[in-house]
Amino acid sequence: MSKICQDRVVIVTGAGRGIGRAHALEFARQGAKVVVNDLGAEADGVGSSAGPANEVADEIRAMGGEAIVNGADVADFEASRELVKSAVDTFGRLDVVVNNAGFLRDRMFLKISEDEWDAVINVHLKGHFCTSRHAAEYWRNESKAGNPVDGRIINTSSGAGLQGSVGQGTYSAAKGGIATLTLVQAAELGRYGVTANAIAPAARTRMTEAIFTDMKAPEAGEFDENAPENISPLVVWLGSSESRDVTGRVFEVKGGIIGTSDGYRDGPIVDKGSRWEPDEVGAAVSEVIAKSPVPQKVFGT
C-alpha cells in the first residue's frame, strides 16, 4: 500500500491526546516525519506534562517512524517560531502544519469572565495564528529562493464555530474566527504554493465527553462513529500532495461522513435605488428574510 505522505514533515499541535494524537499517528503510518507538539495540560488548559507527547512519539518510533517532541505554547509568538524552526532544523524542511491545540472553559455568556475569554481565544485563535504565521514565512522565503513549495495549513474549527453552541460563547467565537482566517490564508498564500483548509470535526475526546453524553463507545465489534481516529484520514489527505488543488474549504467530518460547510454567502436583497427611510426598513427586512433559508439552529437549542 502506498503512503501518501511519505517523507513529508508535519507539525501537529495538541498531539498528545484525542484527535491530535490520532492525526500524529496516522501521518506517521502514511510515511510522514512528525513534530509532536503538546503542553500536556488538562482539558481546561491548566498544568503541563511532557508525558502525553512523549508517549505519542514513542508509538511513532515503535512503528518505525520518525518523530520529535516539542512542548511550545502555540499561543506564544516566539515559542511557536521555535516550534517551526525545530521541524526545519531536525528534518530539513516543513510541509504541513495541523493546528489542533485547544481547551475549554465553558460558561453561559453572562457568566464568562475576562480571564476565561482571553484564555480560550488565546489558545484557539491566536494559537492558530502564531504557528501558521511562522510556517507561512518559511514557505514564502523558500518560494522566493526558487525552491519548490507544497505547503499545507490545516486548521481546526468546530460546529460550534459554524452554528454557535449554547454555553460555549468564547469557544464558538474562536472557532468561527478560525474558519474565516482559513479563507484569508487560502487567498493570500496560494501564490507561494500553500493551501489552507479547515475541519469541523465531531468525535469523542476529553473536551466532548462531558458535554455530549451520546458519544459513548459502542459495543465491541460495532463501528465507533465517534472515535477520534475517524477524523484523521481526511486531515492526512489534506496534508498530502494529492490535495494541492483544494484550498479555502471548511470540511465537516464525523465517523464515515465527509462534507463541506457553505458558511456565510450573499443572500437575497431588496434594492430601493435610493436611501431608505427608517419606517420603510421593516418591510424590506421581512421581504429578504422571507426569501432566505431558515438558519440552522444553535447547538443546545
C-alpha atoms as a PDB file:
ATOM      1  CA  MET A   1       0.000   0.000   0.000  1.00  0.00           C
ATOM      2  CA  SER A   2       1.379   3.409  -0.964  1.00  0.00           C
ATOM      3  CA  LYS A   3       1.977   6.000   1.743  1.00  0.00           C
ATOM      4  CA  ILE A   4       0.522   9.319   0.648  1.00  0.00           C
ATOM      5  CA  CYS A   5       2.665  11.447   2.967  1.00  0.00           C
ATOM      6  CA  GLN A   6       5.980   9.664   2.513  1.00  0.00           C
ATOM      7  CA  ASP A   7       8.820  11.826   3.893  1.00  0.00           C
ATOM      8  CA  ARG A   8       6.620  14.893   4.352  1.00  0.00           C
ATOM      9  CA  VAL A   9       7.378  16.864   7.526  1.00  0.00           C
ATOM     10  CA  VAL A  10       4.360  17.640   9.675  1.00  0.00           C
ATOM     11  CA  ILE A  11       3.737  19.661  12.832  1.00  0.00           C
ATOM     12  CA  VAL A  12       0.656  18.575  14.775  1.00  0.00           C
ATOM     13  CA  THR A  13      -0.234  20.844  17.695  1.00  0.00           C
ATOM     14  CA  GLY A  14      -2.111  19.411  20.653  1.00  0.00           C
ATOM     15  CA  ALA A  15      -0.910  15.975  19.541  1.00  0.00           C
ATOM     16  CA  GLY A  16      -0.639  14.338  22.954  1.00  0.00           C
ATOM     17  CA  ARG A  17      -4.227  13.166  23.239  1.00  0.00           C
ATOM     18  CA  GLY A  18      -7.524  12.813  21.405  1.00  0.00           C
ATOM     19  CA  ILE A  19      -7.864  13.964  17.817  1.00  0.00           C
ATOM     20  CA  GLY A  20      -4.336  15.419  17.682  1.00  0.00           C
ATOM     21  CA  ARG A  21      -2.836  12.117  18.810  1.00  0.00           C
ATOM     22  CA  ALA A  22      -4.812  10.293  16.120  1.00  0.00           C
ATOM     23  CA  HIS A  23      -3.541  12.767  13.498  1.00  0.00           C
ATOM     24  CA  ALA A  24       0.093  12.321  14.522  1.00  0.00           C
ATOM     25  CA  LEU A  25      -0.103   8.526  14.431  1.00  0.00           C
ATOM     26  CA  GLU A  26      -1.892   8.422  11.070  1.00  0.00           C
ATOM     27  CA  PHE A  27       0.580  10.839   9.488  1.00  0.00           C
ATOM     28  CA  ALA A  28       3.372   8.555  10.701  1.00  0.00           C
ATOM     29  CA  ARG A  29       1.628   5.485   9.263  1.00  0.00           C
ATOM     30  CA  GLN A  30       1.482   7.334   5.966  1.00  0.00           C
ATOM     31  CA  GLY A  31       5.234   7.949   5.968  1.00  0.00           C
ATOM     32  CA  ALA A  32       5.441  11.446   7.433  1.00  0.00           C
ATOM     33  CA  LYS A  33       8.036  12.732   9.882  1.00  0.00           C
ATOM     34  CA  VAL A  34       6.114  14.217  12.782  1.00  0.00           C
ATOM     35  CA  VAL A  35       6.723  17.012  15.256  1.00  0.00           C
ATOM     36  CA  VAL A  36       4.504  16.105  18.208  1.00  0.00           C
ATOM     37  CA  ASN A  37       3.590  19.371  19.922  1.00  0.00           C
ATOM     38  CA  ASP A  38       1.725  19.351  23.219  1.00  0.00           C
ATOM     39  CA  LEU A  39       1.847  21.143  26.567  1.00  0.00           C
ATOM     40  CA  GLY A  40       0.212  18.210  28.313  1.00  0.00           C
ATOM     41  CA  ALA A  41      -2.360  20.450  30.007  1.00  0.00           C
ATOM     42  CA  GLU A  42      -5.681  19.368  31.455  1.00  0.00           C
ATOM     43  CA  ALA A  43      -8.904  19.819  29.465  1.00  0.00           C
ATOM     44  CA  ASP A  44      -9.289  23.345  30.883  1.00  0.00           C
ATOM     45  CA  GLY A  45      -5.726  24.328  29.963  1.00  0.00           C
ATOM     46  CA  VAL A  46      -4.319  24.103  33.480  1.00  0.00           C
ATOM     47  CA  GLY A  47      -0.969  22.405  34.180  1.00  0.00           C
ATOM     48  CA  SER A  48       1.548  20.770  31.899  1.00  0.00           C
ATOM     49  CA  SER A  49       3.224  17.427  31.354  1.00  0.00           C
ATOM     50  CA  ALA A  50       5.666  16.078  28.779  1.00  0.00           C
ATOM     51  CA  GLY A  51       4.219  12.581  29.210  1.00  0.00           C
ATOM     52  CA  PRO A  52       1.436  12.534  26.587  1.00  0.00           C
ATOM     53  CA  ALA A  53       3.608  13.939  23.772  1.00  0.00           C
ATOM     54  CA  ASN A  54       6.472  11.570  24.613  1.00  0.00           C
ATOM     55  CA  GLU A  55       4.104   8.603  24.566  1.00  0.00           C
ATOM     56  CA  VAL A  56       2.882   9.511  21.085  1.00  0.00           C
ATOM     57  CA  ALA A  57       6.431   9.998  19.804  1.00  0.00           C
ATOM     58  CA  ASP A  58       7.415   6.631  21.282  1.00  0.00           C
ATOM     59  CA  GLU A  59       4.480   4.978  19.485  1.00  0.00           C
ATOM     60  CA  ILE A  60       5.596   6.505  16.201  1.00  0.00           C
ATOM     61  CA  ARG A  61       9.174   5.318  16.685  1.00  0.00           C
ATOM     62  CA  ALA A  62       7.935   1.846  17.655  1.00  0.00           C
ATOM     63  CA  MET A  63       6.201   1.566  14.273  1.00  0.00           C
ATOM     64  CA  GLY A  64       9.447   2.549  12.545  1.00  0.00           C
ATOM     65  CA  GLY A  65       8.608   6.223  12.024  1.00  0.00           C
ATOM     66  CA  GLU A  66      10.419   9.432  12.888  1.00  0.00           C
ATOM     67  CA  ALA A  67       9.178  11.899  15.489  1.00  0.00           C
ATOM     68  CA  ILE A  68      10.375  14.603  17.829  1.00  0.00           C
ATOM     69  CA  VAL A  69       8.585  16.196  20.766  1.00  0.00           C
ATOM     70  CA  ASN A  70       8.078  19.930  21.194  1.00  0.00           C
ATOM     71  CA  GLY A  71       6.375  21.478  24.211  1.00  0.00           C
ATOM     72  CA  ALA A  72       5.960  25.021  22.893  1.00  0.00           C
ATOM     73  CA  ASP A  73       2.933  27.070  23.857  1.00  0.00           C
ATOM     74  CA  VAL A  74       1.414  27.690  20.422  1.00  0.00           C
ATOM     75  CA  ALA A  75      -0.095  30.985  21.580  1.00  0.00           C
ATOM     76  CA  ASP A  76       3.386  32.333  22.391  1.00  0.00           C
ATOM     77  CA  PHE A  77       4.661  34.056  19.249  1.00  0.00           C
ATOM     78  CA  GLU A  78       8.349  33.389  19.869  1.00  0.00           C
ATOM     79  CA  ALA A  79       7.818  29.852  21.169  1.00  0.00           C
ATOM     80  CA  SER A  80       5.827  28.973  18.050  1.00  0.00           C
ATOM     81  CA  ARG A  81       8.637  30.412  15.921  1.00  0.00           C
ATOM     82  CA  GLU A  82      10.962  27.936  17.626  1.00  0.00           C
ATOM     83  CA  LEU A  83       8.422  25.170  17.005  1.00  0.00           C
ATOM     84  CA  VAL A  84       8.616  25.770  13.258  1.00  0.00           C
ATOM     85  CA  LYS A  85      12.401  26.113  13.444  1.00  0.00           C
ATOM     86  CA  SER A  86      12.692  22.780  15.272  1.00  0.00           C
ATOM     87  CA  ALA A  87      10.936  20.993  12.391  1.00  0.00           C
ATOM     88  CA  VAL A  88      13.214  22.560   9.781  1.00  0.00           C
ATOM     89  CA  ASP A  89      16.385  22.066  11.842  1.00  0.00           C
ATOM     90  CA  THR A  90      15.589  18.408  12.576  1.00  0.00           C
ATOM     91  CA  PHE A  91      14.105  17.199   9.313  1.00  0.00           C
ATOM     92  CA  GLY A  92      15.420  19.735   6.789  1.00  0.00           C
ATOM     93  CA  ARG A  93      12.102  21.299   5.854  1.00  0.00           C
ATOM     94  CA  LEU A  94       8.436  21.734   6.780  1.00  0.00           C
ATOM     95  CA  ASP A  95       5.478  20.699   4.636  1.00  0.00           C
ATOM     96  CA  VAL A  96       2.368  20.669   6.837  1.00  0.00           C
ATOM     97  CA  VAL A  97       1.012  22.468   9.895  1.00  0.00           C
ATOM     98  CA  VAL A  98      -2.021  20.933  11.600  1.00  0.00           C
ATOM     99  CA  ASN A  99      -3.420  23.414  14.124  1.00  0.00           C
ATOM    100  CA  ASN A 100      -5.308  21.337  16.653  1.00  0.00           C
ATOM    101  CA  ALA A 101      -4.347  22.521  20.157  1.00  0.00           C
ATOM    102  CA  GLY A 102      -7.052  23.932  22.399  1.00  0.00           C
ATOM    103  CA  PHE A 103      -9.043  23.645  25.596  1.00  0.00           C
ATOM    104  CA  LEU A 104     -12.441  24.577  27.003  1.00  0.00           C
ATOM    105  CA  ARG A 105     -13.678  26.875  29.758  1.00  0.00           C
ATOM    106  CA  ASP A 106     -17.382  26.760  29.068  1.00  0.00           C
ATOM    107  CA  ARG A 107     -19.779  29.270  30.598  1.00  0.00           C
ATOM    108  CA  MET A 108     -23.107  30.811  29.715  1.00  0.00           C
ATOM    109  CA  PHE A 109     -22.445  34.218  28.144  1.00  0.00           C
ATOM    110  CA  LEU A 110     -23.480  36.219  31.214  1.00  0.00           C
ATOM    111  CA  LYS A 111     -21.028  34.285  33.379  1.00  0.00           C
ATOM    112  CA  ILE A 112     -17.891  34.388  31.193  1.00  0.00           C
ATOM    113  CA  SER A 113     -15.038  36.156  32.945  1.00  0.00           C
ATOM    114  CA  GLU A 114     -12.478  38.250  31.125  1.00  0.00           C
ATOM    115  CA  ASP A 115      -9.727  35.772  32.051  1.00  0.00           C
ATOM    116  CA  GLU A 116     -11.726  32.842  30.659  1.00  0.00           C
ATOM    117  CA  TRP A 117     -12.448  34.751  27.449  1.00  0.00           C
ATOM    118  CA  ASP A 118      -8.797  35.687  26.972  1.00  0.00           C
ATOM    119  CA  ALA A 119      -7.515  32.189  27.713  1.00  0.00           C
ATOM    120  CA  VAL A 120      -9.791  30.408  25.228  1.00  0.00           C
ATOM    121  CA  ILE A 121      -9.385  32.984  22.446  1.00  0.00           C
ATOM    122  CA  ASN A 122      -5.632  32.880  23.050  1.00  0.00           C
ATOM    123  CA  VAL A 123      -5.098  29.138  22.701  1.00  0.00           C
ATOM    124  CA  HIS A 124      -7.504  28.599  19.808  1.00  0.00           C
ATOM    125  CA  LEU A 125      -7.440  31.717  17.642  1.00  0.00           C
ATOM    126  CA  LYS A 126      -4.027  33.161  18.477  1.00  0.00           C
ATOM    127  CA  GLY A 127      -2.546  29.662  18.608  1.00  0.00           C
ATOM    128  CA  HIS A 128      -3.692  29.078  15.029  1.00  0.00           C
ATOM    129  CA  PHE A 129      -2.243  32.437  14.012  1.00  0.00           C
ATOM    130  CA  CYS A 130       1.191  32.042  15.602  1.00  0.00           C
ATOM    131  CA  THR A 131       2.267  28.654  14.254  1.00  0.00           C
ATOM    132  CA  SER A 132       0.783  29.286  10.801  1.00  0.00           C
ATOM    133  CA  ARG A 133       2.355  32.740  10.619  1.00  0.00           C
ATOM    134  CA  HIS A 134       5.873  31.400  11.117  1.00  0.00           C
ATOM    135  CA  ALA A 135       5.282  28.452   8.799  1.00  0.00           C
ATOM    136  CA  ALA A 136       3.965  30.797   6.100  1.00  0.00           C
ATOM    137  CA  GLU A 137       7.028  32.983   6.436  1.00  0.00           C
ATOM    138  CA  TYR A 138       9.251  29.933   5.986  1.00  0.00           C
ATOM    139  CA  TRP A 139       7.333  28.858   2.872  1.00  0.00           C
ATOM    140  CA  ARG A 140       7.374  32.362   1.386  1.00  0.00           C
ATOM    141  CA  ASN A 141      11.140  32.532   1.814  1.00  0.00           C
ATOM    142  CA  GLU A 142      11.542  29.123   0.206  1.00  0.00           C
ATOM    143  CA  SER A 143       9.367  30.182  -2.723  1.00  0.00           C
ATOM    144  CA  LYS A 144      11.283  33.418  -3.225  1.00  0.00           C
ATOM    145  CA  ALA A 145      14.541  31.451  -3.168  1.00  0.00           C
ATOM    146  CA  GLY A 146      13.271  29.372  -6.076  1.00  0.00           C
ATOM    147  CA  ASN A 147      12.687  26.206  -4.063  1.00  0.00           C
ATOM    148  CA  PRO A 148       9.525  24.174  -4.725  1.00  0.00           C
ATOM    149  CA  VAL A 149       6.854  24.576  -2.026  1.00  0.00           C
ATOM    150  CA  ASP A 150       3.933  22.232  -1.457  1.00  0.00           C
ATOM    151  CA  GLY A 151       2.784  23.601   1.895  1.00  0.00           C
ATOM    152  CA  ARG A 152      -0.380  22.850   3.829  1.00  0.00           C
ATOM    153  CA  ILE A 153      -2.186  24.584   6.666  1.00  0.00           C
ATOM    154  CA  ILE A 154      -4.974  22.515   8.209  1.00  0.00           C
ATOM    155  CA  ASN A 155      -6.974  24.363  10.832  1.00  0.00           C
ATOM    156  CA  THR A 156      -9.470  23.038  13.353  1.00  0.00           C
ATOM    157  CA  SER A 157     -12.784  24.848  13.547  1.00  0.00           C
ATOM    158  CA  SER A 158     -15.945  23.320  15.012  1.00  0.00           C
ATOM    159  CA  GLY A 159     -19.671  23.031  14.526  1.00  0.00           C
ATOM    160  CA  ALA A 160     -19.812  25.470  17.452  1.00  0.00           C
ATOM    161  CA  GLY A 161     -17.903  27.968  15.323  1.00  0.00           C
ATOM    162  CA  LEU A 162     -20.173  27.453  12.322  1.00  0.00           C
ATOM    163  CA  GLN A 163     -23.571  27.412  14.062  1.00  0.00           C
ATOM    164  CA  GLY A 164     -22.870  28.536  17.633  1.00  0.00           C
ATOM    165  CA  SER A 165     -23.299  26.474  20.799  1.00  0.00           C
ATOM    166  CA  VAL A 166     -25.146  27.390  23.986  1.00  0.00           C
ATOM    167  CA  GLY A 167     -22.725  27.696  26.898  1.00  0.00           C
ATOM    168  CA  GLN A 168     -19.747  27.985  24.570  1.00  0.00           C
ATOM    169  CA  GLY A 169     -19.720  31.614  23.510  1.00  0.00           C
ATOM    170  CA  THR A 170     -15.959  32.021  23.782  1.00  0.00           C
ATOM    171  CA  TYR A 171     -15.134  28.727  22.095  1.00  0.00           C
ATOM    172  CA  SER A 172     -17.680  29.399  19.348  1.00  0.00           C
ATOM    173  CA  ALA A 173     -16.251  32.867  18.693  1.00  0.00           C
ATOM    174  CA  ALA A 174     -12.713  31.477  18.458  1.00  0.00           C
ATOM    175  CA  LYS A 175     -13.715  28.643  16.152  1.00  0.00           C
ATOM    176  CA  GLY A 176     -15.730  30.970  13.925  1.00  0.00           C
ATOM    177  CA  GLY A 177     -12.680  33.217  13.659  1.00  0.00           C
ATOM    178  CA  ILE A 178     -10.558  30.224  12.691  1.00  0.00           C
ATOM    179  CA  ALA A 179     -12.909  29.346   9.831  1.00  0.00           C
ATOM    180  CA  THR A 180     -12.694  32.879   8.440  1.00  0.00           C
ATOM    181  CA  LEU A 181      -8.927  33.046   8.971  1.00  0.00           C
ATOM    182  CA  THR A 182      -8.650  29.916   6.837  1.00  0.00           C
ATOM    183  CA  LEU A 183     -10.325  31.683   3.910  1.00  0.00           C
ATOM    184  CA  VAL A 184      -7.889  34.570   4.133  1.00  0.00           C
ATOM    185  CA  GLN A 185      -4.875  32.263   4.389  1.00  0.00           C
ATOM    186  CA  ALA A 186      -6.024  30.389   1.291  1.00  0.00           C
ATOM    187  CA  ALA A 187      -6.479  33.609  -0.679  1.00  0.00           C
ATOM    188  CA  GLU A 188      -3.125  35.112   0.320  1.00  0.00           C
ATOM    189  CA  LEU A 189      -0.766  32.136   0.448  1.00  0.00           C
ATOM    190  CA  GLY A 190      -1.628  30.294  -2.759  1.00  0.00           C
ATOM    191  CA  ARG A 191       0.973  32.328  -4.650  1.00  0.00           C
ATOM    192  CA  TYR A 192       3.667  30.674  -2.519  1.00  0.00           C
ATOM    193  CA  GLY A 193       2.479  27.090  -3.092  1.00  0.00           C
ATOM    194  CA  VAL A 194       0.492  26.852   0.140  1.00  0.00           C
ATOM    195  CA  THR A 195      -3.094  25.664   0.632  1.00  0.00           C
ATOM    196  CA  ALA A 196      -5.234  26.320   3.702  1.00  0.00           C
ATOM    197  CA  ASN A 197      -8.287  24.327   4.728  1.00  0.00           C
ATOM    198  CA  ALA A 198     -10.198  23.764   7.952  1.00  0.00           C
ATOM    199  CA  ILE A 199     -12.073  20.887   9.501  1.00  0.00           C
ATOM    200  CA  ALA A 200     -15.056  20.962  11.852  1.00  0.00           C
ATOM    201  CA  PRO A 201     -14.753  17.530  13.485  1.00  0.00           C
ATOM    202  CA  ALA A 202     -17.125  15.658  15.758  1.00  0.00           C
ATOM    203  CA  ALA A 203     -15.515  12.961  17.900  1.00  0.00           C
ATOM    204  CA  ARG A 204     -15.263  11.652  21.438  1.00  0.00           C
ATOM    205  CA  THR A 205     -12.470  13.457  23.309  1.00  0.00           C
ATOM    206  CA  ARG A 206     -11.817  14.809  26.786  1.00  0.00           C
ATOM    207  CA  MET A 207     -13.482  18.060  25.719  1.00  0.00           C
ATOM    208  CA  THR A 208     -16.666  16.499  24.305  1.00  0.00           C
ATOM    209  CA  GLU A 209     -17.361  13.564  26.640  1.00  0.00           C
ATOM    210  CA  ALA A 210     -18.639  15.803  29.429  1.00  0.00           C
ATOM    211  CA  ILE A 211     -20.906  17.756  27.055  1.00  0.00           C
ATOM    212  CA  PHE A 212     -22.249  15.156  24.633  1.00  0.00           C
ATOM    213  CA  THR A 213     -23.245  12.096  26.639  1.00  0.00           C
ATOM    214  CA  ASP A 214     -24.360  10.253  23.482  1.00  0.00           C
ATOM    215  CA  MET A 215     -20.740   9.844  22.378  1.00  0.00           C
ATOM    216  CA  LYS A 216     -20.111   6.737  24.466  1.00  0.00           C
ATOM    217  CA  ALA A 217     -18.134   3.901  22.862  1.00  0.00           C
ATOM    218  CA  PRO A 218     -20.318   1.232  21.183  1.00  0.00           C
ATOM    219  CA  GLU A 219     -20.384  -2.484  21.857  1.00  0.00           C
ATOM    220  CA  ALA A 220     -17.356  -4.496  20.755  1.00  0.00           C
ATOM    221  CA  GLY A 221     -17.287  -5.116  17.025  1.00  0.00           C
ATOM    222  CA  GLU A 222     -19.548  -2.191  16.123  1.00  0.00           C
ATOM    223  CA  PHE A 223     -18.343   0.811  14.132  1.00  0.00           C
ATOM    224  CA  ASP A 224     -17.412   3.577  16.551  1.00  0.00           C
ATOM    225  CA  GLU A 225     -18.591   6.667  14.671  1.00  0.00           C
ATOM    226  CA  ASN A 226     -17.278   8.941  17.434  1.00  0.00           C
ATOM    227  CA  ALA A 227     -13.712   7.613  17.514  1.00  0.00           C
ATOM    228  CA  PRO A 228     -11.085  10.373  17.038  1.00  0.00           C
ATOM    229  CA  GLU A 229      -9.283   8.149  14.534  1.00  0.00           C
ATOM    230  CA  ASN A 230     -12.130   8.675  12.044  1.00  0.00           C
ATOM    231  CA  ILE A 231     -11.161  12.324  11.611  1.00  0.00           C
ATOM    232  CA  SER A 232      -7.537  11.754  10.652  1.00  0.00           C
ATOM    233  CA  PRO A 233      -7.807  10.212   7.146  1.00  0.00           C
ATOM    234  CA  LEU A 234      -9.237  13.489   5.786  1.00  0.00           C
ATOM    235  CA  VAL A 235      -6.586  15.525   7.589  1.00  0.00           C
ATOM    236  CA  VAL A 236      -3.774  13.308   6.314  1.00  0.00           C
ATOM    237  CA  TRP A 237      -5.117  13.530   2.762  1.00  0.00           C
ATOM    238  CA  LEU A 238      -5.323  17.312   3.067  1.00  0.00           C
ATOM    239  CA  GLY A 239      -1.679  17.230   4.184  1.00  0.00           C
ATOM    240  CA  SER A 240      -0.598  15.199   1.172  1.00  0.00           C
ATOM    241  CA  SER A 241       0.476  16.336  -2.285  1.00  0.00           C
ATOM    242  CA  GLU A 242      -2.771  14.907  -3.655  1.00  0.00           C
ATOM    243  CA  SER A 243      -4.736  17.832  -2.168  1.00  0.00           C
ATOM    244  CA  ARG A 244      -2.830  20.655  -3.885  1.00  0.00           C
ATOM    245  CA  ASP A 245      -5.924  21.820  -5.799  1.00  0.00           C
ATOM    246  CA  VAL A 246      -8.142  22.024  -2.705  1.00  0.00           C
ATOM    247  CA  THR A 247      -7.955  25.234  -0.682  1.00  0.00           C
ATOM    248  CA  GLY A 248     -10.194  27.632   1.218  1.00  0.00           C
ATOM    249  CA  ARG A 249     -12.632  24.912   2.275  1.00  0.00           C
ATOM    250  CA  VAL A 250     -14.196  24.026   5.602  1.00  0.00           C
ATOM    251  CA  PHE A 251     -14.948  20.322   5.923  1.00  0.00           C
ATOM    252  CA  GLU A 252     -17.331  18.762   8.423  1.00  0.00           C
ATOM    253  CA  VAL A 253     -16.259  15.254   9.388  1.00  0.00           C
ATOM    254  CA  LYS A 254     -17.572  12.577  11.733  1.00  0.00           C
ATOM    255  CA  GLY A 255     -17.456   8.787  11.589  1.00  0.00           C
ATOM    256  CA  GLY A 256     -17.711   7.868   7.901  1.00  0.00           C
ATOM    257  CA  ILE A 257     -19.109  11.273   6.894  1.00  0.00           C
ATOM    258  CA  ILE A 258     -17.158  13.926   4.975  1.00  0.00           C
ATOM    259  CA  GLY A 259     -18.972  17.086   3.922  1.00  0.00           C
ATOM    260  CA  THR A 260     -18.395  20.769   3.297  1.00  0.00           C
ATOM    261  CA  SER A 261     -19.791  23.768   5.135  1.00  0.00           C
ATOM    262  CA  ASP A 262     -21.040  26.585   2.927  1.00  0.00           C
ATOM    263  CA  GLY A 263     -20.642  29.271   5.576  1.00  0.00           C
ATOM    264  CA  TYR A 264     -21.928  32.769   5.018  1.00  0.00           C
ATOM    265  CA  ARG A 265     -22.947  33.545   1.453  1.00  0.00           C
ATOM    266  CA  ASP A 266     -24.582  36.567  -0.162  1.00  0.00           C
ATOM    267  CA  GLY A 267     -28.342  36.111   0.063  1.00  0.00           C
ATOM    268  CA  PRO A 268     -31.481  37.778  -1.317  1.00  0.00           C
ATOM    269  CA  ILE A 269     -31.556  41.586  -1.479  1.00  0.00           C
ATOM    270  CA  VAL A 270     -34.041  44.398  -1.883  1.00  0.00           C
ATOM    271  CA  ASP A 271     -32.715  47.472  -3.688  1.00  0.00           C
ATOM    272  CA  LYS A 272     -34.763  50.660  -3.452  1.00  0.00           C
ATOM    273  CA  GLY A 273     -32.269  52.570  -5.582  1.00  0.00           C
ATOM    274  CA  SER A 274     -32.149  55.409  -3.054  1.00  0.00           C
ATOM    275  CA  ARG A 275     -31.750  55.966   0.693  1.00  0.00           C
ATOM    276  CA  TRP A 276     -34.241  54.106   2.882  1.00  0.00           C
ATOM    277  CA  GLU A 277     -36.406  55.907   5.405  1.00  0.00           C
ATOM    278  CA  PRO A 278     -36.349  54.174   8.808  1.00  0.00           C
ATOM    279  CA  ASP A 279     -40.078  53.413   8.696  1.00  0.00           C
ATOM    280  CA  GLU A 280     -39.601  51.615   5.339  1.00  0.00           C
ATOM    281  CA  VAL A 281     -36.897  49.254   6.545  1.00  0.00           C
ATOM    282  CA  GLY A 282     -39.111  46.769   8.413  1.00  0.00           C
ATOM    283  CA  ALA A 283     -40.971  45.703   5.274  1.00  0.00           C
ATOM    284  CA  ALA A 284     -37.710  45.336   3.344  1.00  0.00           C
ATOM    285  CA  VAL A 285     -36.154  43.189   6.083  1.00  0.00           C
ATOM    286  CA  SER A 286     -39.264  40.982   6.180  1.00  0.00           C
ATOM    287  CA  GLU A 287     -39.023  40.525   2.416  1.00  0.00           C
ATOM    288  CA  VAL A 288     -35.372  39.442   2.360  1.00  0.00           C
ATOM    289  CA  ILE A 289     -35.872  37.138   5.371  1.00  0.00           C
ATOM    290  CA  ALA A 290     -38.840  35.506   3.641  1.00  0.00           C
ATOM    291  CA  LYS A 291     -36.626  34.790   0.618  1.00  0.00           C
ATOM    292  CA  SER A 292     -33.722  33.442   2.729  1.00  0.00           C
ATOM    293  CA  PRO A 293     -33.102  29.912   4.008  1.00  0.00           C
ATOM    294  CA  VAL A 294     -34.002  29.325   7.646  1.00  0.00           C
ATOM    295  CA  PRO A 295     -30.775  29.467   9.706  1.00  0.00           C
ATOM    296  CA  GLN A 296     -29.506  26.267  11.289  1.00  0.00           C
ATOM    297  CA  LYS A 297     -30.278  26.044  14.965  1.00  0.00           C
ATOM    298  CA  VAL A 298     -27.614  26.899  17.504  1.00  0.00           C
ATOM    299  CA  PHE A 299     -26.355  23.740  19.224  1.00  0.00           C
ATOM    300  CA  GLY A 300     -28.167  23.278  22.515  1.00  0.00           C
ATOM    301  CA  THR A 301     -31.415  24.970  21.445  1.00  0.00           C
END
